């Protein structure tokens, strides 16, 4: 039996950014480039973690519903992008599913890029705005 190759690079992507306009634009870029078939959008790190924890509870569904790529902004209220990544890495230890983390930020602080290198998972650091050319590297 032949398998049908997906038109999309990834099944699921997630956007974590408190700026709804950025989320809208990023979603359109992802859709327009057939980057991900499904896109989850969260406007805070806390809500994104709750969502991911709920997916992770059902181990048989985690492999189907967990995003393959998470784009996270650094500068968000309540929980910044670095705290989100730290908490996500702690949570993900309990599951076999791993996903790519992409920091998508307007920050020009070189310390932010240096700090992104300190995580156990490889983190891609991109500057906003998200564009078609940048998706090729993910």
Protein backbone atom coordinates (compact mmCIF):
# COMPACT_ATOMS: atom_id res chain seq x y z
CA UNK A 1 0.00 0.00 0.00
CA UNK A 2 1.34 3.43 -0.96
CA UNK A 3 1.56 6.18 1.61
CA UNK A 4 0.53 9.67 0.65
CA UNK A 5 3.22 12.28 1.21
CA UNK A 6 1.97 15.32 3.08
CA UNK A 7 2.09 18.70 1.38
CA UNK A 8 3.24 20.18 4.68
CA UNK A 9 6.73 20.16 6.17
CA UNK A 10 5.34 19.49 9.68
CA UNK A 11 1.98 18.27 10.95
CA UNK A 12 1.68 20.78 13.83
CA UNK A 13 3.27 24.09 14.81
CA UNK A 14 2.57 26.29 17.84
CA UNK A 15 2.90 30.05 18.21
CA UNK A 16 3.44 31.47 21.70
CA UNK A 17 3.35 35.26 21.62
CA UNK A 18 1.32 37.84 23.55
CA UNK A 19 1.01 40.02 20.44
CA UNK A 20 -2.11 38.93 18.53
CA UNK A 21 -1.05 40.82 15.38
CA UNK A 22 2.28 38.97 15.32
CA UNK A 23 0.42 35.69 15.80
CA UNK A 24 -1.90 36.53 12.90
CA UNK A 25 0.97 37.43 10.58
CA UNK A 26 3.08 34.42 11.61
CA UNK A 27 0.12 32.11 11.09
CA UNK A 28 -0.37 33.48 7.56
CA UNK A 29 3.34 33.00 6.77
CA UNK A 30 3.22 29.40 8.05
CA UNK A 31 0.04 28.65 6.09
CA UNK A 32 1.29 30.36 2.93
CA UNK A 33 4.45 28.27 2.91
CA UNK A 34 2.79 24.91 3.70
CA UNK A 35 5.02 24.75 6.76
CA UNK A 36 2.47 23.16 9.12
CA UNK A 37 -0.92 21.60 8.55
CA UNK A 38 -2.28 22.64 11.96
CA UNK A 39 -1.29 25.71 13.99
CA UNK A 40 -1.96 26.18 17.69
CA UNK A 41 -1.89 29.77 18.95
CA UNK A 42 -1.35 30.80 22.57
CA UNK A 43 -1.04 34.38 23.81
CA UNK A 44 0.88 33.50 26.97
CA UNK A 45 3.53 31.06 28.06
CA UNK A 46 1.32 29.86 30.92
CA UNK A 47 -1.63 29.02 28.69
CA UNK A 48 0.69 27.27 26.22
CA UNK A 49 2.17 25.12 29.00
CA UNK A 50 -1.27 24.22 30.33
CA UNK A 51 -2.34 23.23 26.84
CA UNK A 52 0.79 21.11 26.33
CA UNK A 53 0.44 19.48 29.76
CA UNK A 54 -3.13 18.50 28.92
CA UNK A 55 -1.93 16.91 25.69
CA UNK A 56 0.88 15.17 27.54
CA UNK A 57 -1.51 13.56 30.07
CA UNK A 58 -2.84 11.20 27.45
CA UNK A 59 0.33 9.46 26.33
CA UNK A 60 -1.28 7.74 23.34
CA UNK A 61 -2.57 11.08 22.06
CA UNK A 62 0.60 13.05 22.83
CA UNK A 63 2.33 11.65 19.75
CA UNK A 64 -0.53 12.80 17.57
CA UNK A 65 -1.31 16.20 19.14
CA UNK A 66 2.07 17.49 20.36
CA UNK A 67 3.48 20.24 18.12
CA UNK A 68 6.55 19.46 16.05
CA UNK A 69 7.78 23.07 16.18
CA UNK A 70 7.10 25.74 18.81
CA UNK A 71 7.77 29.39 18.00
CA UNK A 72 8.10 31.37 21.23
CA UNK A 73 8.56 35.08 21.84
CA UNK A 74 10.91 36.12 24.65
CA UNK A 75 9.26 39.29 25.88
CA UNK A 76 5.88 38.35 27.32
CA UNK A 77 4.20 39.35 30.59
CA UNK A 78 3.83 36.89 33.49
CA UNK A 79 6.09 34.24 31.94
CA UNK A 80 8.81 35.17 29.48
CA UNK A 81 9.97 32.90 26.68
CA UNK A 82 12.97 31.60 28.61
CA UNK A 83 10.78 30.53 31.55
CA UNK A 84 8.41 28.83 29.09
CA UNK A 85 11.31 26.89 27.55
CA UNK A 86 12.66 25.86 30.98
CA UNK A 87 9.25 24.64 32.12
CA UNK A 88 8.60 22.92 28.81
CA UNK A 89 11.94 21.09 28.96
CA UNK A 90 11.07 19.87 32.48
CA UNK A 91 7.66 18.71 31.32
CA UNK A 92 8.89 17.05 28.15
CA UNK A 93 11.32 14.80 30.06
CA UNK A 94 8.29 12.68 30.87
CA UNK A 95 7.39 11.98 27.26
CA UNK A 96 9.18 10.52 24.27
CA UNK A 97 7.97 13.25 21.94
CA UNK A 98 10.43 16.02 21.29
CA UNK A 99 9.84 19.12 19.25
CA UNK A 100 11.92 21.92 17.87
CA UNK A 101 11.94 25.19 19.75
CA UNK A 102 12.37 28.40 17.79
CA UNK A 103 12.79 31.68 19.63
CA UNK A 104 11.11 34.28 17.44
CA UNK A 105 11.78 37.67 18.97
CA UNK A 106 12.32 41.34 18.37
CA UNK A 107 15.07 41.34 21.01
CA UNK A 108 18.45 42.60 19.81
CA UNK A 109 20.16 41.86 23.13
CA UNK A 110 23.17 39.57 22.44
CA UNK A 111 22.74 38.08 25.94
CA UNK A 112 19.39 36.63 24.86
CA UNK A 113 21.01 34.74 22.02
CA UNK A 114 23.81 33.54 24.34
CA UNK A 115 21.27 32.39 26.91
CA UNK A 116 19.40 30.41 24.26
CA UNK A 117 22.52 28.27 23.79
CA UNK A 118 22.34 27.08 27.42
CA UNK A 119 19.33 24.81 26.99
CA UNK A 120 19.64 21.06 26.62
CA UNK A 121 17.67 21.08 23.38
CA UNK A 122 19.02 22.93 20.39
CA UNK A 123 17.18 26.22 20.12
CA UNK A 124 16.99 28.18 16.89
CA UNK A 125 17.10 31.95 17.45
CA UNK A 126 15.29 34.06 14.83
CA UNK A 127 14.51 37.75 14.68
CA UNK A 128 11.01 38.95 13.92
CA UNK A 129 9.36 39.13 11.50
CA UNK A 130 8.92 35.53 10.41
CA UNK A 131 9.48 35.25 6.68
CA UNK A 132 9.45 32.46 4.11
CA UNK A 133 13.24 32.41 3.88
CA UNK A 134 13.58 31.78 7.62
CA UNK A 135 11.25 28.77 7.53
CA UNK A 136 13.74 26.94 5.28
CA UNK A 137 16.18 26.64 8.21
CA UNK A 138 13.73 24.90 10.54
